[in-house]
Each structure stands twice: as structure tokens, then as C-alpha cells.
Amino acid sequence: MKINVEVECSPEEARRLMGLPDFTPVHEKYIATLTESMDGHVKPEMLEAVMRSWAPMGEAGMNFWRQLFDGSVKPKS
């Protein structure tokens, strides 16, 4: 038996449906900081420090998420 479910919604509606947090303010702040950096007001080192603070586990964190998602996908039989 094969069942297809099609859901039509905006990205915002999908985020809310899945219970994911709204990172719009963080994204806007990041873009503003990046823009200031390009204008020469913020040093690139400061931007790098911000990025490192957002990903404290680095590659290990990415591997964790990859394994989590790979484990949730069941192979077709």
C-alpha cells in the first residue's frame, strides 16, 4: 500500500507546524552584522567569532545531525 500526502503551505506555516523556533531576528541581526562588516565597521575576526559561537561543536555537531537524519530514513523494501 502506498499513501501520498500533499501539504500546501508557506515556509513559515511549515516551521510552525513542525514546532521549529523562529530565527528571523537572529537572521536579520546576522545580515546586518555582515553588511556592516562589508562596509568596514566590523572586523572580519568579530564575524568569525560570532559564527564559531553558533556552531560550538563544529564538524562533530554536523555529523550528529547527519546521523540523526540518516537513521530516521527507512530504506525502501
C-alpha atoms as a PDB file:
ATOM      1  CA  MET A   1       0.000   0.000   0.000  1.00  0.00           C
ATOM      2  CA  LYS A   2       1.287   3.409  -0.871  1.00  0.00           C
ATOM      3  CA  ILE A   3      -0.159   6.620   0.532  1.00  0.00           C
ATOM      4  CA  ASN A   4       0.813  10.087  -0.684  1.00  0.00           C
ATOM      5  CA  VAL A   5       0.016  13.142   1.370  1.00  0.00           C
ATOM      6  CA  GLU A   6       0.442  16.540  -0.213  1.00  0.00           C
ATOM      7  CA  VAL A   7       0.528  19.627   2.005  1.00  0.00           C
ATOM      8  CA  GLU A   8       0.446  23.116   0.587  1.00  0.00           C
ATOM      9  CA  CYS A   9       1.795  25.720   2.982  1.00  0.00           C
ATOM     10  CA  SER A  10       4.299  28.537   3.203  1.00  0.00           C
ATOM     11  CA  PRO A  11       7.741  28.013   4.779  1.00  0.00           C
ATOM     12  CA  GLU A  12       6.516  29.967   7.835  1.00  0.00           C
ATOM     13  CA  GLU A  13       3.480  27.713   8.193  1.00  0.00           C
ATOM     14  CA  ALA A  14       5.656  24.602   7.829  1.00  0.00           C
ATOM     15  CA  ARG A  15       8.064  25.879  10.513  1.00  0.00           C
ATOM     16  CA  ARG A  16       5.193  26.452  12.937  1.00  0.00           C
ATOM     17  CA  LEU A  17       3.588  23.103  12.093  1.00  0.00           C
ATOM     18  CA  MET A  18       6.841  21.287  12.889  1.00  0.00           C
ATOM     19  CA  GLY A  19       7.343  23.307  16.081  1.00  0.00           C
ATOM     20  CA  LEU A  20      10.638  24.837  14.967  1.00  0.00           C
ATOM     21  CA  PRO A  21      11.818  28.110  16.523  1.00  0.00           C
ATOM     22  CA  ASP A  22      11.596  31.399  14.638  1.00  0.00           C
ATOM     23  CA  PHE A  23      15.144  32.580  13.903  1.00  0.00           C
ATOM     24  CA  THR A  24      14.060  35.627  11.930  1.00  0.00           C
ATOM     25  CA  PRO A  25      15.521  38.125  14.453  1.00  0.00           C
ATOM     26  CA  VAL A  26      18.819  36.196  14.546  1.00  0.00           C
ATOM     27  CA  HIS A  27      18.934  36.072  10.754  1.00  0.00           C
ATOM     28  CA  GLU A  28      18.234  39.798  10.476  1.00  0.00           C
ATOM     29  CA  LYS A  29      20.969  40.578  13.033  1.00  0.00           C
ATOM     30  CA  TYR A  30      23.416  38.326  11.167  1.00  0.00           C
ATOM     31  CA  ILE A  31      22.667  40.045   7.858  1.00  0.00           C
ATOM     32  CA  ALA A  32      23.033  43.476   9.482  1.00  0.00           C
ATOM     33  CA  THR A  33      26.382  42.451  11.003  1.00  0.00           C
ATOM     34  CA  LEU A  34      27.555  41.048   7.683  1.00  0.00           C
ATOM     35  CA  THR A  35      26.530  44.260   5.905  1.00  0.00           C
ATOM     36  CA  GLU A  36      28.383  46.384   8.471  1.00  0.00           C
ATOM     37  CA  SER A  37      31.417  44.155   8.043  1.00  0.00           C
ATOM     38  CA  MET A  38      31.349  44.750   4.312  1.00  0.00           C
ATOM     39  CA  ASP A  39      31.159  48.481   4.967  1.00  0.00           C
ATOM     40  CA  GLY A  40      34.289  48.241   7.158  1.00  0.00           C
ATOM     41  CA  HIS A  41      32.619  48.902  10.524  1.00  0.00           C
ATOM     42  CA  VAL A  42      33.053  45.382  11.891  1.00  0.00           C
ATOM     43  CA  LYS A  43      36.295  43.442  11.668  1.00  0.00           C
ATOM     44  CA  PRO A  44      36.173  40.024   9.980  1.00  0.00           C
ATOM     45  CA  GLU A  45      37.551  38.456  13.176  1.00  0.00           C
ATOM     46  CA  MET A  46      34.448  39.566  15.062  1.00  0.00           C
ATOM     47  CA  LEU A  47      32.208  37.949  12.448  1.00  0.00           C
ATOM     48  CA  GLU A  48      34.228  34.735  12.648  1.00  0.00           C
ATOM     49  CA  ALA A  49      33.823  34.692  16.443  1.00  0.00           C
ATOM     50  CA  VAL A  50      30.054  35.024  16.055  1.00  0.00           C
ATOM     51  CA  MET A  51      29.950  32.124  13.601  1.00  0.00           C
ATOM     52  CA  ARG A  52      32.049  29.941  15.930  1.00  0.00           C
ATOM     53  CA  SER A  53      29.712  30.670  18.836  1.00  0.00           C
ATOM     54  CA  TRP A  54      26.746  29.490  16.746  1.00  0.00           C
ATOM     55  CA  ALA A  55      28.404  26.157  15.948  1.00  0.00           C
ATOM     56  CA  PRO A  56      30.300  25.189  19.122  1.00  0.00           C
ATOM     57  CA  MET A  57      30.546  21.530  18.124  1.00  0.00           C
ATOM     58  CA  GLY A  58      31.712  22.247  14.582  1.00  0.00           C
ATOM     59  CA  GLU A  59      32.019  19.159  12.404  1.00  0.00           C
ATOM     60  CA  ALA A  60      31.071  16.821  15.266  1.00  0.00           C
ATOM     61  CA  GLY A  61      27.729  18.617  15.528  1.00  0.00           C
ATOM     62  CA  MET A  62      27.133  18.323  11.801  1.00  0.00           C
ATOM     63  CA  ASN A  63      27.927  14.588  11.930  1.00  0.00           C
ATOM     64  CA  PHE A  64      25.469  14.155  14.798  1.00  0.00           C
ATOM     65  CA  TRP A  65      22.651  15.752  12.795  1.00  0.00           C
ATOM     66  CA  ARG A  66      23.583  13.803   9.658  1.00  0.00           C
ATOM     67  CA  GLN A  67      23.443  10.509  11.589  1.00  0.00           C
ATOM     68  CA  LEU A  68      20.150  11.508  13.172  1.00  0.00           C
ATOM     69  CA  PHE A  69      18.549  12.214   9.808  1.00  0.00           C
ATOM     70  CA  ASP A  70      20.108   9.167   8.143  1.00  0.00           C
ATOM     71  CA  GLY A  71      18.736   6.981  10.940  1.00  0.00           C
ATOM     72  CA  SER A  72      15.249   8.384  10.543  1.00  0.00           C
ATOM     73  CA  VAL A  73      15.059   7.453   6.854  1.00  0.00           C
ATOM     74  CA  LYS A  74      13.994   3.868   6.383  1.00  0.00           C
ATOM     75  CA  PRO A  75      15.230   2.137   3.242  1.00  0.00           C
ATOM     76  CA  LYS A  76      12.552   1.075   0.739  1.00  0.00           C
ATOM     77  CA  SER A  77      11.861  -2.636   0.642  1.00  0.00           C
END
